[in-house]
Amino acid sequence: MTHFTRRQFALGAAALPLAACSNGIGSGGAAEIDARTASTLSFMYDTYPQTQVLAGRAAGMLVMPLVTEVGLGLGGSYGRGALMIGESTVDYYSTASGSAGLQIGAQQFSHVLFFMTQDALTDFRSGPGWAAGADLEYALSDQGEVLRAETTTSLAPVIAVVFGQAGLRLGATLDGTKYTRIIP
């Protein structure tokens, strides 16, 4: 007979919702991620026109069309997207994070990371995985306010735009999120 510790049970229970969620992307591979990426960029540019200025100045952009985040004590998030340099997709990435604490609910959101320097883009692409950290500046608040004017002249190496939140959980942040190159 197999015995589970409380820790094993808790980790399994936290992983189950993430494993069960298809994230709307499914297994369509690169073509489906590309279509969702184009749709997400179109929505972002229409809703927040100032992001076109960021895109024009960025060395590259990581577009995550749909990230699903769930939490009940333990939580996590997952999504897949594309790294673009100019108009071309050069790689595909997944994003994942885990959390513990007083939390309940679920939400979905989109986000785009603008790599404002070639060094930031090179650091992102050269490692086996990249974690969002202190060098990340947010251009939009959790409530989707208008892009701040000073963001377009920011010296931050990476600027995050989080938008399109839907669900029953407030506050989409990318702290502690890990990005990993994938082959769809």
Protein backbone atom coordinates (compact mmCIF):
# COMPACT_ATOMS: atom_id res chain seq x y z
CA MET A 1 0.00 0.00 0.00
CA THR A 2 1.34 3.44 -0.95
CA HIS A 3 1.45 6.16 1.70
CA PHE A 4 1.51 9.82 0.74
CA THR A 5 2.91 12.55 2.93
CA ARG A 6 0.98 15.78 3.32
CA ARG A 7 3.60 17.55 1.22
CA GLN A 8 3.21 15.06 -1.65
CA PHE A 9 -0.56 15.36 -1.48
CA ALA A 10 -0.43 19.18 -1.46
CA LEU A 11 1.98 19.32 -4.41
CA GLY A 12 -0.15 16.86 -6.37
CA ALA A 13 -3.32 18.79 -5.60
CA ALA A 14 -1.70 22.05 -6.73
CA ALA A 15 -0.42 20.52 -9.98
CA LEU A 16 -3.72 18.92 -10.95
CA PRO A 17 -5.55 22.11 -12.04
CA LEU A 18 -2.58 23.22 -14.14
CA ALA A 19 -2.23 19.82 -15.77
CA ALA A 20 -5.94 19.79 -16.57
CA CYS A 21 -6.07 23.22 -18.16
CA SER A 22 -5.36 23.27 -21.85
CA ASN A 23 -4.83 27.03 -21.73
CA GLY A 24 -6.84 27.47 -24.91
CA ILE A 25 -3.77 26.72 -27.00
CA GLY A 26 -4.04 22.93 -27.05
CA SER A 27 -1.64 20.93 -29.15
CA GLY A 28 -1.96 22.83 -32.44
CA GLY A 29 1.73 23.56 -32.44
CA ALA A 30 3.55 26.50 -33.94
CA ALA A 31 0.81 27.59 -36.37
CA GLU A 32 -1.73 27.99 -33.60
CA ILE A 33 0.71 29.85 -31.33
CA ASP A 34 1.57 32.15 -34.26
CA ALA A 35 -2.12 32.87 -34.94
CA ARG A 36 -2.79 33.64 -31.28
CA THR A 37 0.33 35.81 -31.11
CA ALA A 38 -0.81 37.89 -34.10
CA SER A 39 -4.29 38.27 -32.61
CA THR A 40 -2.86 39.31 -29.23
CA LEU A 41 -0.57 41.92 -30.78
CA SER A 42 -3.45 43.32 -32.84
CA PHE A 43 -5.63 43.61 -29.71
CA MET A 44 -2.82 45.22 -27.71
CA TYR A 45 -1.98 47.76 -30.42
CA ASP A 46 -5.68 48.67 -30.84
CA THR A 47 -6.36 48.92 -27.09
CA TYR A 48 -3.05 50.51 -26.05
CA PRO A 49 -1.70 52.37 -29.11
CA GLN A 50 1.37 53.56 -27.17
CA THR A 51 2.66 49.97 -27.18
CA GLN A 52 3.51 50.46 -30.86
CA VAL A 53 6.19 52.93 -29.74
CA LEU A 54 7.63 50.28 -27.39
CA ALA A 55 7.55 47.67 -30.15
CA GLY A 56 9.38 50.01 -32.51
CA ARG A 57 12.16 50.57 -29.96
CA ALA A 58 12.43 47.00 -28.65
CA ALA A 59 15.16 44.58 -29.71
CA GLY A 60 12.56 41.80 -29.40
CA MET A 61 9.21 40.91 -27.84
CA LEU A 62 7.99 37.80 -26.06
CA VAL A 63 4.24 37.54 -26.64
CA MET A 64 2.25 35.28 -24.30
CA PRO A 65 -1.28 35.24 -25.74
CA LEU A 66 -2.93 33.40 -22.85
CA VAL A 67 -1.66 32.62 -19.36
CA THR A 68 -3.93 30.71 -17.01
CA GLU A 69 -3.38 31.23 -13.28
CA VAL A 70 -5.15 29.26 -10.53
CA GLY A 71 -4.76 29.23 -6.78
CA LEU A 72 -6.28 27.63 -3.71
CA GLY A 73 -3.64 27.94 -1.00
CA LEU A 74 -1.08 26.69 -3.52
CA GLY A 75 -1.22 28.08 -7.01
CA GLY A 76 0.48 28.36 -10.32
CA SER A 77 0.27 29.59 -13.87
CA TYR A 78 1.10 28.32 -17.34
CA GLY A 79 1.07 29.64 -20.90
CA ARG A 80 2.85 29.38 -24.25
CA GLY A 81 3.92 32.06 -26.69
CA ALA A 82 6.38 33.31 -29.26
CA LEU A 83 9.56 35.38 -29.24
CA MET A 84 9.53 37.90 -32.06
CA ILE A 85 12.37 39.94 -33.48
CA GLY A 86 10.91 42.50 -35.83
CA GLU A 87 7.99 40.84 -37.60
CA SER A 88 9.46 37.32 -37.40
CA THR A 89 8.93 34.57 -34.85
CA VAL A 90 12.33 33.18 -33.87
CA ASP A 91 11.49 30.85 -30.94
CA TYR A 92 8.64 29.51 -28.83
CA TYR A 93 8.50 29.66 -25.04
CA SER A 94 6.41 28.44 -22.16
CA THR A 95 5.87 30.37 -18.96
CA ALA A 96 5.23 28.83 -15.56
CA SER A 97 5.12 29.98 -11.98
CA GLY A 98 4.15 28.62 -8.59
CA SER A 99 2.99 30.29 -5.42
CA ALA A 100 1.87 29.50 -1.90
CA GLY A 101 -0.09 31.55 0.57
CA LEU A 102 -3.51 33.00 1.15
CA GLN A 103 -5.04 32.83 -2.34
CA ILE A 104 -8.14 31.56 -4.05
CA GLY A 105 -9.43 31.93 -7.59
CA ALA A 106 -8.48 31.71 -11.21
CA GLN A 107 -7.78 34.16 -14.01
CA GLN A 108 -6.44 34.38 -17.51
CA PHE A 109 -4.42 37.21 -18.98
CA SER A 110 -2.05 38.12 -21.80
CA HIS A 111 1.34 39.72 -21.51
CA VAL A 112 4.14 40.96 -23.70
CA LEU A 113 7.74 41.42 -22.59
CA PHE A 114 9.56 44.13 -24.50
CA PHE A 115 13.34 43.58 -24.50
CA MET A 116 14.55 47.16 -24.78
CA THR A 117 18.25 46.37 -25.16
CA GLN A 118 20.13 43.85 -27.26
CA ASP A 119 21.91 42.67 -24.09
CA ALA A 120 18.58 41.91 -22.37
CA LEU A 121 17.41 39.94 -25.41
CA THR A 122 20.71 38.04 -25.65
CA ASP A 123 20.60 37.17 -21.93
CA PHE A 124 17.04 35.89 -22.34
CA ARG A 125 17.87 33.72 -25.36
CA SER A 126 21.23 32.36 -24.17
CA GLY A 127 20.16 30.62 -20.96
CA PRO A 128 18.24 27.39 -20.41
CA GLY A 129 15.50 29.38 -18.68
CA TRP A 130 14.90 32.97 -17.67
CA ALA A 131 13.12 34.16 -14.53
CA ALA A 132 11.33 37.51 -14.37
CA GLY A 133 13.05 39.58 -11.70
CA ALA A 134 14.09 43.02 -10.54
CA ASP A 135 15.00 44.25 -14.03
CA LEU A 136 11.35 44.02 -15.12
CA GLU A 137 9.31 47.24 -15.25
CA TYR A 138 5.51 47.15 -15.61
CA ALA A 139 3.94 49.51 -18.14
CA LEU A 140 0.31 48.81 -17.18
CA SER A 141 -1.21 48.35 -13.76
CA ASP A 142 -3.22 45.28 -12.82
CA GLN A 143 -6.40 47.18 -13.67
CA GLY A 144 -5.23 47.85 -17.24
CA GLU A 145 -4.65 51.60 -16.98
CA VAL A 146 -3.25 53.55 -19.88
CA LEU A 147 0.43 53.12 -20.64
CA ARG A 148 2.48 55.69 -18.75
CA ALA A 149 4.27 58.20 -20.94
CA GLU A 150 7.59 57.74 -19.11
CA THR A 151 7.57 54.04 -19.97
CA THR A 152 8.31 54.83 -23.60
CA THR A 153 11.54 56.57 -22.53
CA SER A 154 12.41 54.14 -19.74
CA LEU A 155 15.92 52.78 -19.38
CA ALA A 156 14.64 49.45 -18.01
CA PRO A 157 16.06 46.51 -19.96
CA VAL A 158 12.69 44.67 -19.98
CA ILE A 159 9.22 46.22 -19.91
CA ALA A 160 6.13 44.07 -19.27
CA VAL A 161 2.65 44.91 -20.48
CA VAL A 162 0.00 42.77 -18.77
CA PHE A 163 -3.53 43.10 -20.14
CA GLY A 164 -6.80 41.33 -20.89
CA GLN A 165 -7.32 39.98 -17.36
CA ALA A 166 -10.45 37.88 -16.92
CA GLY A 167 -11.43 35.80 -13.93
CA LEU A 168 -12.02 35.88 -10.22
CA ARG A 169 -8.46 36.51 -9.06
CA LEU A 170 -7.02 40.00 -8.81
CA GLY A 171 -3.49 41.09 -9.51
CA ALA A 172 -1.54 39.63 -12.42
CA THR A 173 2.19 39.97 -11.82
CA LEU A 174 5.11 38.15 -13.39
CA ASP A 175 7.44 38.05 -10.38
CA GLY A 176 8.96 34.59 -10.04
CA THR A 177 7.76 33.51 -13.48
CA LYS A 178 10.12 31.28 -15.44
CA TYR A 179 10.30 31.21 -19.23
CA THR A 180 11.61 28.14 -21.02
CA ARG A 181 12.25 27.55 -24.73
CA ILE A 182 9.96 24.87 -26.19
CA ILE A 183 9.44 23.04 -29.46
CA PRO A 184 5.69 23.12 -30.18
